Every structure is written in C-alpha cells, then in structure tokens.
PDB file of N, CA and C in Angstrom:
ATOM      1  N   UNK A   1      23.693   5.463   7.422  1.00  0.00           N
ATOM      2  CA  UNK A   1      23.687   6.087   6.198  1.00  0.00           C
ATOM      3  C   UNK A   1      22.690   5.428   5.264  1.00  0.00           C
ATOM      4  N   UNK A   2      21.946   6.229   4.512  1.00  0.00           N
ATOM      5  CA  UNK A   2      20.949   5.724   3.751  1.00  0.00           C
ATOM      6  C   UNK A   2      21.547   5.577   2.288  1.00  0.00           C
ATOM      7  N   UNK A   3      21.402   4.367   1.723  1.00  0.00           N
ATOM      8  CA  UNK A   3      21.838   4.136   0.259  1.00  0.00           C
ATOM      9  C   UNK A   3      20.858   4.317  -0.664  1.00  0.00           C
ATOM     10  N   UNK A   4      21.073   5.179  -1.502  1.00  0.00           N
ATOM     11  CA  UNK A   4      20.154   5.430  -2.529  1.00  0.00           C
ATOM     12  C   UNK A   4      20.192   4.466  -3.665  1.00  0.00           C
ATOM     13  N   UNK A   5      19.060   3.831  -4.003  1.00  0.00           N
ATOM     14  CA  UNK A   5      19.034   2.760  -5.120  1.00  0.00           C
ATOM     15  C   UNK A   5      18.404   3.458  -6.399  1.00  0.00           C
ATOM     16  N   UNK A   6      19.202   3.550  -7.376  1.00  0.00           N
ATOM     17  CA  UNK A   6      18.726   4.258  -8.624  1.00  0.00           C
ATOM     18  C   UNK A   6      18.454   3.363  -9.877  1.00  0.00           C
ATOM     19  N   UNK A   7      19.093   2.147  -9.815  1.00  0.00           N
ATOM     20  CA  UNK A   7      19.036   1.318 -10.988  1.00  0.00           C
ATOM     21  C   UNK A   7      19.280  -0.208 -10.470  1.00  0.00           C
ATOM     22  N   UNK A   8      19.319  -1.068 -11.556  1.00  0.00           N
ATOM     23  CA  UNK A   8      19.517  -2.479 -11.189  1.00  0.00           C
ATOM     24  C   UNK A   8      20.828  -2.724 -10.591  1.00  0.00           C
ATOM     25  N   UNK A   9      21.913  -2.093 -11.058  1.00  0.00           N
ATOM     26  CA  UNK A   9      23.277  -2.312 -10.524  1.00  0.00           C
ATOM     27  C   UNK A   9      23.233  -1.913  -9.078  1.00  0.00           C
ATOM     28  N   UNK A  10      22.650  -0.788  -8.681  1.00  0.00           N
ATOM     29  CA  UNK A  10      22.616  -0.405  -7.357  1.00  0.00           C
ATOM     30  C   UNK A  10      21.953  -1.459  -6.494  1.00  0.00           C
ATOM     31  N   UNK A  11      20.914  -1.935  -7.131  1.00  0.00           N
ATOM     32  CA  UNK A  11      20.002  -2.919  -6.395  1.00  0.00           C
ATOM     33  C   UNK A  11      20.753  -4.119  -6.066  1.00  0.00           C
ATOM     34  N   UNK A  12      21.472  -4.691  -7.019  1.00  0.00           N
ATOM     35  CA  UNK A  12      22.207  -5.887  -6.834  1.00  0.00           C
ATOM     36  C   UNK A  12      23.382  -5.613  -5.952  1.00  0.00           C
ATOM     37  N   UNK A  13      24.063  -4.644  -5.938  1.00  0.00           N
ATOM     38  CA  UNK A  13      25.224  -4.312  -5.170  1.00  0.00           C
ATOM     39  C   UNK A  13      24.944  -4.017  -3.721  1.00  0.00           C
ATOM     40  N   UNK A  14      23.866  -3.239  -3.406  1.00  0.00           N
ATOM     41  CA  UNK A  14      23.643  -2.710  -2.142  1.00  0.00           C
ATOM     42  C   UNK A  14      22.487  -3.418  -1.497  1.00  0.00           C
ATOM     43  N   UNK A  15      21.805  -4.274  -2.163  1.00  0.00           N
ATOM     44  CA  UNK A  15      20.606  -4.906  -1.577  1.00  0.00           C
ATOM     45  C   UNK A  15      20.442  -6.297  -1.824  1.00  0.00           C
ATOM     46  N   UNK A  16      20.468  -6.829  -2.950  1.00  0.00           N
ATOM     47  CA  UNK A  16      20.233  -8.235  -3.275  1.00  0.00           C
ATOM     48  C   UNK A  16      21.329  -9.065  -2.744  1.00  0.00           C
ATOM     49  N   UNK A  17      22.614  -8.698  -2.902  1.00  0.00           N
ATOM     50  CA  UNK A  17      23.846  -9.446  -2.691  1.00  0.00           C
ATOM     51  C   UNK A  17      24.168  -9.324  -1.176  1.00  0.00           C
ATOM     52  N   UNK A  18      23.405  -8.722  -0.430  1.00  0.00           N
ATOM     53  CA  UNK A  18      23.989  -8.312   1.052  1.00  0.00           C
ATOM     54  C   UNK A  18      23.235  -9.216   1.998  1.00  0.00           C
ATOM     55  N   UNK A  19      23.955  -9.633   2.974  1.00  0.00           N
ATOM     56  CA  UNK A  19      23.377 -10.475   4.047  1.00  0.00           C
ATOM     57  C   UNK A  19      22.838  -9.544   5.247  1.00  0.00           C
ATOM     58  N   UNK A  20      22.041  -9.974   6.039  1.00  0.00           N
ATOM     59  CA  UNK A  20      21.540  -9.205   7.177  1.00  0.00           C
ATOM     60  C   UNK A  20      20.378  -8.527   6.934  1.00  0.00           C
ATOM     61  N   UNK A  21      19.949  -7.656   7.889  1.00  0.00           N
ATOM     62  CA  UNK A  21      18.744  -6.931   7.801  1.00  0.00           C
ATOM     63  C   UNK A  21      18.868  -5.568   6.922  1.00  0.00           C
ATOM     64  N   UNK A  22      17.830  -5.401   6.160  1.00  0.00           N
ATOM     65  CA  UNK A  22      17.830  -4.218   5.228  1.00  0.00           C
ATOM     66  C   UNK A  22      16.346  -3.700   5.252  1.00  0.00           C
ATOM     67  N   UNK A  23      16.277  -2.340   5.505  1.00  0.00           N
ATOM     68  CA  UNK A  23      15.005  -1.619   5.468  1.00  0.00           C
ATOM     69  C   UNK A  23      15.036  -0.775   4.259  1.00  0.00           C
ATOM     70  N   UNK A  24      14.117  -1.082   3.326  1.00  0.00           N
ATOM     71  CA  UNK A  24      14.007  -0.414   2.106  1.00  0.00           C
ATOM     72  C   UNK A  24      12.733   0.486   2.149  1.00  0.00           C
ATOM     73  N   UNK A  25      13.028   1.806   1.843  1.00  0.00           N
ATOM     74  CA  UNK A  25      11.972   2.807   1.827  1.00  0.00           C
ATOM     75  C   UNK A  25      11.621   3.202   0.387  1.00  0.00           C
ATOM     76  N   UNK A  26      10.401   3.062   0.076  1.00  0.00           N
ATOM     77  CA  UNK A  26       9.897   3.599  -1.221  1.00  0.00           C
ATOM     78  C   UNK A  26       9.185   4.898  -0.955  1.00  0.00           C
ATOM     79  N   UNK A  27       9.616   5.947  -1.424  1.00  0.00           N
ATOM     80  CA  UNK A  27       9.069   7.238  -1.132  1.00  0.00           C
ATOM     81  C   UNK A  27       9.365   8.252  -2.333  1.00  0.00           C
ATOM     82  N   UNK A  28       8.901   9.503  -1.924  1.00  0.00           N
ATOM     83  CA  UNK A  28       9.107  10.626  -2.844  1.00  0.00           C
ATOM     84  C   UNK A  28       9.250  11.906  -2.112  1.00  0.00           C
ATOM     85  N   UNK A  29      10.107  12.793  -2.640  1.00  0.00           N
ATOM     86  CA  UNK A  29      10.397  14.136  -2.046  1.00  0.00           C
ATOM     87  C   UNK A  29       9.159  14.948  -1.955  1.00  0.00           C
ATOM     88  N   UNK A  30       8.170  14.840  -2.676  1.00  0.00           N
ATOM     89  CA  UNK A  30       6.852  15.641  -2.465  1.00  0.00           C
ATOM     90  C   UNK A  30       5.943  15.108  -1.482  1.00  0.00           C
ATOM     91  N   UNK A  31       6.175  13.843  -1.068  1.00  0.00           N
ATOM     92  CA  UNK A  31       5.232  13.052  -0.128  1.00  0.00           C
ATOM     93  C   UNK A  31       5.350  13.586   1.371  1.00  0.00           C
ATOM     94  N   UNK A  32       4.238  14.202   1.778  1.00  0.00           N
ATOM     95  CA  UNK A  32       4.340  14.760   3.154  1.00  0.00           C
ATOM     96  C   UNK A  32       4.587  13.629   4.181  1.00  0.00           C
ATOM     97  N   UNK A  33       3.860  12.569   4.204  1.00  0.00           N
ATOM     98  CA  UNK A  33       4.156  11.443   5.130  1.00  0.00           C
ATOM     99  C   UNK A  33       5.604  10.951   5.054  1.00  0.00           C
ATOM    100  N   UNK A  34       6.116  10.902   3.808  1.00  0.00           N
ATOM    101  CA  UNK A  34       7.548  10.519   3.687  1.00  0.00           C
ATOM    102  C   UNK A  34       8.506  11.514   4.368  1.00  0.00           C
ATOM    103  N   UNK A  35       8.208  12.819   4.188  1.00  0.00           N
ATOM    104  CA  UNK A  35       8.953  13.861   4.978  1.00  0.00           C
ATOM    105  C   UNK A  35       8.797  13.660   6.374  1.00  0.00           C
ATOM    106  N   UNK A  36       7.729  13.495   6.914  1.00  0.00           N
ATOM    107  CA  UNK A  36       7.501  13.338   8.299  1.00  0.00           C
ATOM    108  C   UNK A  36       8.198  12.168   8.882  1.00  0.00           C
ATOM    109  N   UNK A  37       8.317  10.960   8.098  1.00  0.00           N
ATOM    110  CA  UNK A  37       8.898   9.821   8.454  1.00  0.00           C
ATOM    111  C   UNK A  37      10.490   9.801   8.347  1.00  0.00           C
ATOM    112  N   UNK A  38      10.945  10.741   7.658  1.00  0.00           N
ATOM    113  CA  UNK A  38      12.403  10.717   7.364  1.00  0.00           C
ATOM    114  C   UNK A  38      13.317  10.726   8.551  1.00  0.00           C
ATOM    115  N   UNK A  39      13.029  11.561   9.707  1.00  0.00           N
ATOM    116  CA  UNK A  39      13.866  11.480  10.862  1.00  0.00           C
ATOM    117  C   UNK A  39      13.766  10.105  11.479  1.00  0.00           C
ATOM    118  N   UNK A  40      12.680   9.483  11.544  1.00  0.00           N
ATOM    119  CA  UNK A  40      12.454   8.111  12.191  1.00  0.00           C
ATOM    120  C   UNK A  40      13.300   7.209  11.408  1.00  0.00           C
ATOM    121  N   UNK A  41      13.036   7.242  10.016  1.00  0.00           N
ATOM    122  CA  UNK A  41      13.859   6.310   9.131  1.00  0.00           C
ATOM    123  C   UNK A  41      15.410   6.376   9.241  1.00  0.00           C
ATOM    124  N   UNK A  42      15.797   7.635   9.472  1.00  0.00           N
ATOM    125  CA  UNK A  42      17.334   7.895   9.525  1.00  0.00           C
ATOM    126  C   UNK A  42      17.779   7.259  10.943  1.00  0.00           C
ATOM    127  N   UNK A  43      16.986   7.440  12.001  1.00  0.00           N
ATOM    128  CA  UNK A  43      17.355   7.086  13.357  1.00  0.00           C
ATOM    129  C   UNK A  43      17.332   5.490  13.527  1.00  0.00           C
ATOM    130  N   UNK A  44      16.833   4.658  12.513  1.00  0.00           N
ATOM    131  CA  UNK A  44      16.875   3.339  12.646  1.00  0.00           C
ATOM    132  C   UNK A  44      18.162   2.780  12.826  1.00  0.00           C
ATOM    133  N   UNK A  45      19.196   3.300  12.167  1.00  0.00           N
ATOM    134  CA  UNK A  45      20.547   2.812  12.206  1.00  0.00           C
ATOM    135  C   UNK A  45      21.021   2.944  13.621  1.00  0.00           C
ATOM    136  N   UNK A  46      20.846   4.011  14.360  1.00  0.00           N
ATOM    137  CA  UNK A  46      21.276   4.287  15.621  1.00  0.00           C
ATOM    138  C   UNK A  46      20.436   3.459  16.609  1.00  0.00           C
ATOM    139  N   UNK A  47      19.191   3.405  16.487  1.00  0.00           N
ATOM    140  CA  UNK A  47      18.329   2.725  17.425  1.00  0.00           C
ATOM    141  C   UNK A  47      18.619   1.237  17.374  1.00  0.00           C
ATOM    142  N   UNK A  48      18.970   0.714  16.248  1.00  0.00           N
ATOM    143  CA  UNK A  48      19.253  -0.742  16.168  1.00  0.00           C
ATOM    144  C   UNK A  48      20.738  -1.117  15.966  1.00  0.00           C
ATOM    145  N   UNK A  49      21.539  -0.173  16.571  1.00  0.00           N
ATOM    146  CA  UNK A  49      22.986  -0.234  16.655  1.00  0.00           C
ATOM    147  C   UNK A  49      23.584  -0.751  15.380  1.00  0.00           C
ATOM    148  N   UNK A  50      23.255  -0.252  14.207  1.00  0.00           N
ATOM    149  CA  UNK A  50      23.867  -0.637  12.972  1.00  0.00           C
ATOM    150  C   UNK A  50      23.535  -2.082  12.638  1.00  0.00           C
ATOM    151  N   UNK A  51      22.528  -2.736  13.021  1.00  0.00           N
ATOM    152  CA  UNK A  51      22.008  -4.157  12.679  1.00  0.00           C
ATOM    153  C   UNK A  51      21.194  -4.041  11.332  1.00  0.00           C
ATOM    154  N   UNK A  52      20.821  -2.790  11.073  1.00  0.00           N
ATOM    155  CA  UNK A  52      19.851  -2.681   9.940  1.00  0.00           C
ATOM    156  C   UNK A  52      20.500  -1.687   8.938  1.00  0.00           C
ATOM    157  N   UNK A  53      20.617  -2.088   7.763  1.00  0.00           N
ATOM    158  CA  UNK A  53      21.052  -1.226   6.705  1.00  0.00           C
ATOM    159  C   UNK A  53      19.845  -0.574   6.019  1.00  0.00           C
ATOM    160  N   UNK A  54      19.970   0.752   5.604  1.00  0.00           N
ATOM    161  CA  UNK A  54      18.990   1.525   5.013  1.00  0.00           C
ATOM    162  C   UNK A  54      19.176   1.796   3.694  1.00  0.00           C
ATOM    163  N   UNK A  55      17.986   1.556   2.884  1.00  0.00           N
ATOM    164  CA  UNK A  55      18.018   1.788   1.344  1.00  0.00           C
ATOM    165  C   UNK A  55      16.784   2.544   1.097  1.00  0.00           C
ATOM    166  N   UNK A  56      16.975   3.414  -0.054  1.00  0.00           N
ATOM    167  CA  UNK A  56      15.869   4.263  -0.386  1.00  0.00           C
ATOM    168  C   UNK A  56      15.743   4.171  -1.857  1.00  0.00           C
ATOM    169  N   UNK A  57      14.484   4.114  -2.375  1.00  0.00           N
ATOM    170  CA  UNK A  57      14.192   4.195  -3.872  1.00  0.00           C
ATOM    171  C   UNK A  57      13.147   5.424  -3.971  1.00  0.00           C
ATOM    172  N   UNK A  58      13.508   6.445  -4.689  1.00  0.00           N
ATOM    173  CA  UNK A  58      12.593   7.397  -5.020  1.00  0.00           C
ATOM    174  C   UNK A  58      11.577   6.902  -6.203  1.00  0.00           C
ATOM    175  N   UNK A  59      10.405   6.938  -5.836  1.00  0.00           N
ATOM    176  CA  UNK A  59       9.361   6.371  -6.812  1.00  0.00           C
ATOM    177  C   UNK A  59       9.188   7.124  -8.095  1.00  0.00           C
ATOM    178  N   UNK A  60       9.656   8.362  -8.052  1.00  0.00           N
ATOM    179  CA  UNK A  60       9.539   9.189  -9.277  1.00  0.00           C
ATOM    180  C   UNK A  60      10.804   9.104 -10.036  1.00  0.00           C
ATOM    181  N   UNK A  61      11.953   9.008  -9.472  1.00  0.00           N
ATOM    182  CA  UNK A  61      13.320   8.956 -10.180  1.00  0.00           C
ATOM    183  C   UNK A  61      13.590   7.502 -10.781  1.00  0.00           C
ATOM    184  N   UNK A  62      13.061   6.547 -10.033  1.00  0.00           N
ATOM    185  CA  UNK A  62      13.190   5.116 -10.407  1.00  0.00           C
ATOM    186  C   UNK A  62      11.894   4.396 -10.463  1.00  0.00           C
ATOM    187  N   UNK A  63      10.939   5.034 -11.298  1.00  0.00           N
ATOM    188  CA  UNK A  63       9.636   4.425 -11.279  1.00  0.00           C
ATOM    189  C   UNK A  63       9.520   2.965 -11.612  1.00  0.00           C
ATOM    190  N   UNK A  64      10.193   2.553 -12.649  1.00  0.00           N
ATOM    191  CA  UNK A  64      10.192   1.080 -13.086  1.00  0.00           C
ATOM    192  C   UNK A  64      10.720   0.240 -11.981  1.00  0.00           C
ATOM    193  N   UNK A  65      11.853   0.555 -11.400  1.00  0.00           N
ATOM    194  CA  UNK A  65      12.507  -0.219 -10.358  1.00  0.00           C
ATOM    195  C   UNK A  65      11.503  -0.222  -9.082  1.00  0.00           C
ATOM    196  N   UNK A  66      10.878   0.976  -8.625  1.00  0.00           N
ATOM    197  CA  UNK A  66       9.979   0.913  -7.541  1.00  0.00           C
ATOM    198  C   UNK A  66       8.865   0.047  -7.776  1.00  0.00           C
ATOM    199  N   UNK A  67       8.338   0.084  -9.017  1.00  0.00           N
ATOM    200  CA  UNK A  67       7.268  -0.755  -9.219  1.00  0.00           C
ATOM    201  C   UNK A  67       7.269  -2.231  -9.041  1.00  0.00           C
ATOM    202  N   UNK A  68       8.516  -2.700  -9.135  1.00  0.00           N
ATOM    203  CA  UNK A  68       8.872  -4.147  -8.962  1.00  0.00           C
ATOM    204  C   UNK A  68       8.416  -4.459  -7.505  1.00  0.00           C
ATOM    205  N   UNK A  69       8.353  -3.441  -6.604  1.00  0.00           N
ATOM    206  CA  UNK A  69       8.120  -3.873  -5.176  1.00  0.00           C
ATOM    207  C   UNK A  69       6.694  -3.686  -4.874  1.00  0.00           C
ATOM    208  N   UNK A  70       6.049  -3.318  -5.893  1.00  0.00           N
ATOM    209  CA  UNK A  70       4.480  -3.210  -5.652  1.00  0.00           C
ATOM    210  C   UNK A  70       3.985  -2.449  -4.476  1.00  0.00           C
ATOM    211  N   UNK A  71       4.452  -1.177  -4.272  1.00  0.00           N
ATOM    212  CA  UNK A  71       4.028  -0.455  -3.102  1.00  0.00           C
ATOM    213  C   UNK A  71       2.590  -0.087  -3.148  1.00  0.00           C
ATOM    214  N   UNK A  72       1.883  -0.179  -2.100  1.00  0.00           N
ATOM    215  CA  UNK A  72       0.486   0.043  -1.948  1.00  0.00           C
ATOM    216  C   UNK A  72       0.242   1.551  -1.802  1.00  0.00           C
ATOM    217  N   UNK A  73       1.286   2.144  -1.348  1.00  0.00           N
ATOM    218  CA  UNK A  73       1.195   3.684  -1.043  1.00  0.00           C
ATOM    219  C   UNK A  73       2.477   4.014  -0.689  1.00  0.00           C
ATOM    220  N   UNK A  74       2.733   5.413  -0.480  1.00  0.00           N
ATOM    221  CA  UNK A  74       4.050   5.798   0.075  1.00  0.00           C
ATOM    222  C   UNK A  74       3.854   6.651   1.258  1.00  0.00           C
ATOM    223  N   UNK A  75       4.876   6.589   2.167  1.00  0.00           N
ATOM    224  CA  UNK A  75       5.967   5.744   2.210  1.00  0.00           C
ATOM    225  C   UNK A  75       5.610   4.286   2.438  1.00  0.00           C
ATOM    226  N   UNK A  76       6.375   3.381   1.719  1.00  0.00           N
ATOM    227  CA  UNK A  76       6.272   1.963   2.118  1.00  0.00           C
ATOM    228  C   UNK A  76       7.635   1.539   2.512  1.00  0.00           C
ATOM    229  N   UNK A  77       7.772   0.899   3.682  1.00  0.00           N
ATOM    230  CA  UNK A  77       8.991   0.418   4.235  1.00  0.00           C
ATOM    231  C   UNK A  77       8.980  -1.215   4.141  1.00  0.00           C
ATOM    232  N   UNK A  78       9.933  -1.734   3.521  1.00  0.00           N
ATOM    233  CA  UNK A  78       9.913  -3.154   3.351  1.00  0.00           C
ATOM    234  C   UNK A  78      11.109  -3.775   4.047  1.00  0.00           C
ATOM    235  N   UNK A  79      10.917  -4.661   5.017  1.00  0.00           N
ATOM    236  CA  UNK A  79      11.986  -5.130   5.806  1.00  0.00           C
ATOM    237  C   UNK A  79      12.374  -6.562   5.305  1.00  0.00           C
ATOM    238  N   UNK A  80      13.706  -6.729   5.120  1.00  0.00           N
ATOM    239  CA  UNK A  80      14.268  -7.902   4.496  1.00  0.00           C
ATOM    240  C   UNK A  80      15.388  -8.515   5.516  1.00  0.00           C
ATOM    241  N   UNK A  81      15.510  -9.779   5.343  1.00  0.00           N
ATOM    242  CA  UNK A  81      16.770 -10.406   6.030  1.00  0.00           C
ATOM    243  C   UNK A  81      17.385 -11.394   4.920  1.00  0.00           C
ATOM    244  N   UNK A  82      18.574 -11.125   4.717  1.00  0.00           N
ATOM    245  CA  UNK A  82      19.208 -12.014   3.670  1.00  0.00           C
ATOM    246  C   UNK A  82      18.444 -12.066   2.431  1.00  0.00           C
ATOM    247  N   UNK A  83      17.989 -10.989   1.996  1.00  0.00           N
ATOM    248  CA  UNK A  83      17.279 -10.737   0.711  1.00  0.00           C
ATOM    249  C   UNK A  83      15.836 -11.290   0.672  1.00  0.00           C
ATOM    250  N   UNK A  84      15.266 -11.829   1.763  1.00  0.00           N
ATOM    251  CA  UNK A  84      13.926 -12.308   1.823  1.00  0.00           C
ATOM    252  C   UNK A  84      13.100 -11.281   2.555  1.00  0.00           C
ATOM    253  N   UNK A  85      11.864 -10.955   1.926  1.00  0.00           N
ATOM    254  CA  UNK A  85      11.089  -9.976   2.643  1.00  0.00           C
ATOM    255  C   UNK A  85      10.415 -10.615   3.945  1.00  0.00           C
ATOM    256  N   UNK A  86      10.460  -9.817   4.960  1.00  0.00           N
ATOM    257  CA  UNK A  86       9.900 -10.217   6.312  1.00  0.00           C
ATOM    258  C   UNK A  86       8.588  -9.585   6.575  1.00  0.00           C
ATOM    259  N   UNK A  87       8.409  -8.385   6.019  1.00  0.00           N
ATOM    260  CA  UNK A  87       7.173  -7.554   6.265  1.00  0.00           C
ATOM    261  C   UNK A  87       7.212  -6.242   5.658  1.00  0.00           C
ATOM    262  N   UNK A  88       6.124  -5.453   5.895  1.00  0.00           N
ATOM    263  CA  UNK A  88       6.019  -4.114   5.349  1.00  0.00           C
ATOM    264  C   UNK A  88       5.311  -3.272   6.277  1.00  0.00           C
ATOM    265  N   UNK A  89       5.772  -1.988   6.352  1.00  0.00           N
ATOM    266  CA  UNK A  89       5.184  -0.941   7.111  1.00  0.00           C
ATOM    267  C   UNK A  89       4.713   0.110   6.135  1.00  0.00           C
ATOM    268  N   UNK A  90       3.434   0.494   6.065  1.00  0.00           N
ATOM    269  CA  UNK A  90       2.919   1.227   5.051  1.00  0.00           C
ATOM    270  C   UNK A  90       2.315   2.508   5.706  1.00  0.00           C
ATOM    271  N   UNK A  91       2.894   3.610   5.247  1.00  0.00           N
ATOM    272  CA  UNK A  91       2.369   4.947   5.747  1.00  0.00           C
ATOM    273  C   UNK A  91       3.132   5.383   6.905  1.00  0.00           C
ATOM    274  N   UNK A  92       2.502   6.475   7.428  1.00  0.00           N
ATOM    275  CA  UNK A  92       3.079   7.163   8.683  1.00  0.00           C
ATOM    276  C   UNK A  92       2.934   6.340   9.857  1.00  0.00           C
ATOM    277  N   UNK A  93       3.806   6.290  10.827  1.00  0.00           N
ATOM    278  CA  UNK A  93       3.836   5.703  12.147  1.00  0.00           C
ATOM    279  C   UNK A  93       4.621   6.721  13.097  1.00  0.00           C
ATOM    280  N   UNK A  94       4.129   6.728  14.289  1.00  0.00           N
ATOM    281  CA  UNK A  94       5.033   7.465  15.334  1.00  0.00           C
ATOM    282  C   UNK A  94       6.313   6.763  15.490  1.00  0.00           C
ATOM    283  N   UNK A  95       7.380   7.598  15.835  1.00  0.00           N
ATOM    284  CA  UNK A  95       8.671   6.942  15.809  1.00  0.00           C
ATOM    285  C   UNK A  95       8.713   5.669  16.758  1.00  0.00           C
ATOM    286  N   UNK A  96       8.203   5.815  17.919  1.00  0.00           N
ATOM    287  CA  UNK A  96       8.261   4.648  18.854  1.00  0.00           C
ATOM    288  C   UNK A  96       7.544   3.480  18.264  1.00  0.00           C
ATOM    289  N   UNK A  97       6.414   3.624  17.562  1.00  0.00           N
ATOM    290  CA  UNK A  97       5.649   2.544  17.034  1.00  0.00           C
ATOM    291  C   UNK A  97       6.417   1.942  15.894  1.00  0.00           C
ATOM    292  N   UNK A  98       7.064   2.862  15.073  1.00  0.00           N
ATOM    293  CA  UNK A  98       7.837   2.375  13.951  1.00  0.00           C
ATOM    294  C   UNK A  98       9.051   1.522  14.448  1.00  0.00           C
ATOM    295  N   UNK A  99       9.663   1.953  15.459  1.00  0.00           N
ATOM    296  CA  UNK A  99      10.723   1.043  16.128  1.00  0.00           C
ATOM    297  C   UNK A  99      10.226  -0.211  16.612  1.00  0.00           C
ATOM    298  N   UNK A 100       8.992  -0.177  17.218  1.00  0.00           N
ATOM    299  CA  UNK A 100       8.404  -1.458  17.723  1.00  0.00           C
ATOM    300  C   UNK A 100       8.144  -2.434  16.486  1.00  0.00           C
ATOM    301  N   UNK A 101       7.504  -1.843  15.460  1.00  0.00           N
ATOM    302  CA  UNK A 101       7.288  -2.701  14.372  1.00  0.00           C
ATOM    303  C   UNK A 101       8.571  -3.435  13.734  1.00  0.00           C
ATOM    304  N   UNK A 102       9.593  -2.527  13.650  1.00  0.00           N
ATOM    305  CA  UNK A 102      10.892  -3.118  13.175  1.00  0.00           C
ATOM    306  C   UNK A 102      11.406  -4.195  14.104  1.00  0.00           C
ATOM    307  N   UNK A 103      11.349  -3.919  15.454  1.00  0.00           N
ATOM    308  CA  UNK A 103      11.955  -5.020  16.385  1.00  0.00           C
ATOM    309  C   UNK A 103      11.081  -6.212  16.275  1.00  0.00           C
ATOM    310  N   UNK A 104       9.752  -6.211  16.093  1.00  0.00           N
ATOM    311  CA  UNK A 104       9.002  -7.357  15.920  1.00  0.00           C
ATOM    312  C   UNK A 104       9.435  -8.129  14.697  1.00  0.00           C
ATOM    313  N   UNK A 105       9.794  -7.497  13.609  1.00  0.00           N
ATOM    314  CA  UNK A 105      10.157  -8.115  12.325  1.00  0.00           C
ATOM    315  C   UNK A 105      11.576  -8.753  12.498  1.00  0.00           C
ATOM    316  N   UNK A 106      12.355  -8.190  13.374  1.00  0.00           N
ATOM    317  CA  UNK A 106      13.731  -8.776  13.586  1.00  0.00           C
ATOM    318  C   UNK A 106      13.733 -10.135  14.300  1.00  0.00           C
ATOM    319  N   UNK A 107      12.619 -10.454  15.069  1.00  0.00           N
ATOM    320  CA  UNK A 107      12.549 -11.613  15.965  1.00  0.00           C
ATOM    321  C   UNK A 107      12.288 -12.779  15.083  1.00  0.00           C
TER     322      UNK A 107
END
C-alpha cells in the first residue's frame, strides 16, 4: 500500500516516527516518467516481502512539503532506514534496475 503524505501530520505519523525501511516517492500525476515508474514503485512491497513501506508526495498538491526534500527532478525516490536517508534514485529506471538499486541501499 502506498501512503499519501499531504501535510506535516501525515509526514510525522507515517514517515518520521516509523522504524524500518521507507521508500518515499516525490512525483506528479502529469509526469510521464512518474507514470511509467508507477508499476515498479507499487511492486516494491511484493518484491521485498513487505520490508519496505511506500510513501508518496505529490509535488503539486504539497509543494512546500515536497520542497523540503530538495528533489533534483521527478520522480525522485528517497530511501530511508529509521528516518535517516540512505540514498536517492532520480528519474526513470527499468524495473529490474530499480529493484537492484533498492537492494543495494538495503545492505
């Protein structure tokens, strides 16, 4: 399940205060690379057997909130463990490469 982050309360409840791995996507509905990456992003939960929680911030709907993460472009995927950033994946990736990049960040 992808958790939508729309405000500070959502961010604290679903992201900041959670332990474990979180993959945060910064994207927009009009963004073609975001649309193409959507199936791979959704498949992360199944591929990693529920080890990774998925969160999403729409950069248009929550512009100020998204700006805090300083995305260089969209989609930007930021990988966290226990609230600390481990790395970023920016732009389109083939599904298998996307999963490889996530697996490397989990080590």
